[in-house]
C-alpha atoms as a PDB file:
ATOM      1  CA  UNK A   1      90.831 113.552  73.190  1.00  0.00           C
ATOM      2  CA  UNK A   2      92.285 111.141  75.742  1.00  0.00           C
ATOM      3  CA  UNK A   3      90.924 110.135  79.097  1.00  0.00           C
ATOM      4  CA  UNK A   4      90.561 107.152  81.363  1.00  0.00           C
ATOM      5  CA  UNK A   5      86.874 107.002  80.400  1.00  0.00           C
ATOM      6  CA  UNK A   6      86.063 103.567  79.049  1.00  0.00           C
ATOM      7  CA  UNK A   7      89.337 102.117  80.364  1.00  0.00           C
ATOM      8  CA  UNK A   8      89.294  98.832  82.232  1.00  0.00           C
ATOM      9  CA  UNK A   9      92.158  96.670  83.392  1.00  0.00           C
ATOM     10  CA  UNK A  10      92.906  93.248  84.828  1.00  0.00           C
ATOM     11  CA  UNK A  11      95.828  92.644  87.200  1.00  0.00           C
ATOM     12  CA  UNK A  12      97.345  89.177  87.278  1.00  0.00           C
ATOM     13  CA  UNK A  13     100.373  87.513  88.852  1.00  0.00           C
ATOM     14  CA  UNK A  14     103.311  86.995  86.534  1.00  0.00           C
ATOM     15  CA  UNK A  15     106.538  85.082  86.781  1.00  0.00           C
ATOM     16  CA  UNK A  16     109.117  86.032  89.408  1.00  0.00           C
ATOM     17  CA  UNK A  17     106.388  87.395  91.707  1.00  0.00           C
ATOM     18  CA  UNK A  18     105.710  90.455  89.582  1.00  0.00           C
ATOM     19  CA  UNK A  19     102.174  91.554  88.729  1.00  0.00           C
ATOM     20  CA  UNK A  20     101.011  92.568  85.278  1.00  0.00           C
ATOM     21  CA  UNK A  21      98.081  94.768  84.262  1.00  0.00           C
ATOM     22  CA  UNK A  22      96.350  94.479  80.890  1.00  0.00           C
ATOM     23  CA  UNK A  23      94.339  97.472  79.636  1.00  0.00           C
ATOM     24  CA  UNK A  24      91.240  97.411  77.452  1.00  0.00           C
ATOM     25  CA  UNK A  25      88.902 100.124  76.188  1.00  0.00           C
ATOM     26  CA  UNK A  26      85.120 100.053  75.930  1.00  0.00           C
ATOM     27  CA  UNK A  27      83.422  99.932  72.531  1.00  0.00           C
ATOM     28  CA  UNK A  28      83.800 103.205  70.679  1.00  0.00           C
ATOM     29  CA  UNK A  29      87.221 103.916  72.217  1.00  0.00           C
ATOM     30  CA  UNK A  30      90.735 102.931  71.173  1.00  0.00           C
ATOM     31  CA  UNK A  31      93.733 102.342  73.419  1.00  0.00           C
ATOM     32  CA  UNK A  32      96.354 105.086  73.514  1.00  0.00           C
ATOM     33  CA  UNK A  33      99.528 103.706  75.019  1.00  0.00           C
ATOM     34  CA  UNK A  34     100.604 100.226  75.988  1.00  0.00           C
ATOM     35  CA  UNK A  35      98.109  97.388  76.377  1.00  0.00           C
ATOM     36  CA  UNK A  36     100.152  95.815  79.177  1.00  0.00           C
ATOM     37  CA  UNK A  37     102.388  96.978  82.045  1.00  0.00           C
ATOM     38  CA  UNK A  38     104.489  95.222  84.685  1.00  0.00           C
ATOM     39  CA  UNK A  39     104.842  96.107  88.358  1.00  0.00           C
ATOM     40  CA  UNK A  40     108.495  96.648  89.211  1.00  0.00           C
ATOM     41  CA  UNK A  41     110.188  95.454  92.402  1.00  0.00           C
ATOM     42  CA  UNK A  42     110.021  98.983  93.856  1.00  0.00           C
ATOM     43  CA  UNK A  43     106.198  98.955  93.601  1.00  0.00           C
ATOM     44  CA  UNK A  44     105.883 101.259  90.580  1.00  0.00           C
ATOM     45  CA  UNK A  45     104.638 100.360  87.090  1.00  0.00           C
ATOM     46  CA  UNK A  46     107.077 100.247  84.172  1.00  0.00           C
ATOM     47  CA  UNK A  47     104.931 102.646  82.087  1.00  0.00           C
ATOM     48  CA  UNK A  48     102.349 105.351  82.718  1.00  0.00           C
ATOM     49  CA  UNK A  49      98.683 104.348  82.642  1.00  0.00           C
ATOM     50  CA  UNK A  50      97.233 104.085  79.163  1.00  0.00           C
ATOM     51  CA  UNK A  51      94.197 106.101  78.085  1.00  0.00           C
ATOM     52  CA  UNK A  52      91.227 105.585  75.815  1.00  0.00           C
ATOM     53  CA  UNK A  53      90.502 107.934  72.931  1.00  0.00           C
ATOM     54  CA  UNK A  54      87.339 108.294  70.874  1.00  0.00           C
ATOM     55  CA  UNK A  55      87.302 106.177  67.750  1.00  0.00           C
ATOM     56  CA  UNK A  56      85.999 107.893  64.637  1.00  0.00           C
ATOM     57  CA  UNK A  57      84.165 105.698  62.130  1.00  0.00           C
ATOM     58  CA  UNK A  58      83.497 107.019  58.629  1.00  0.00           C
ATOM     59  CA  UNK A  59      80.809 105.453  56.482  1.00  0.00           C
ATOM     60  CA  UNK A  60      80.861 105.697  52.680  1.00  0.00           C
END
């Protein structure tokens, strides 16, 4: 199951005036998609927003 639940991001300035966003998931979730994206000159992002999926942990 994927969703934006648990997803946080930080936007920072990059070289050549472009912004970058770094994605991170809350504990218990794993990132599905890229961990970083760049804002293009036309104002769109170079990838779609990433999602967080539930992480399954199996104990022996």
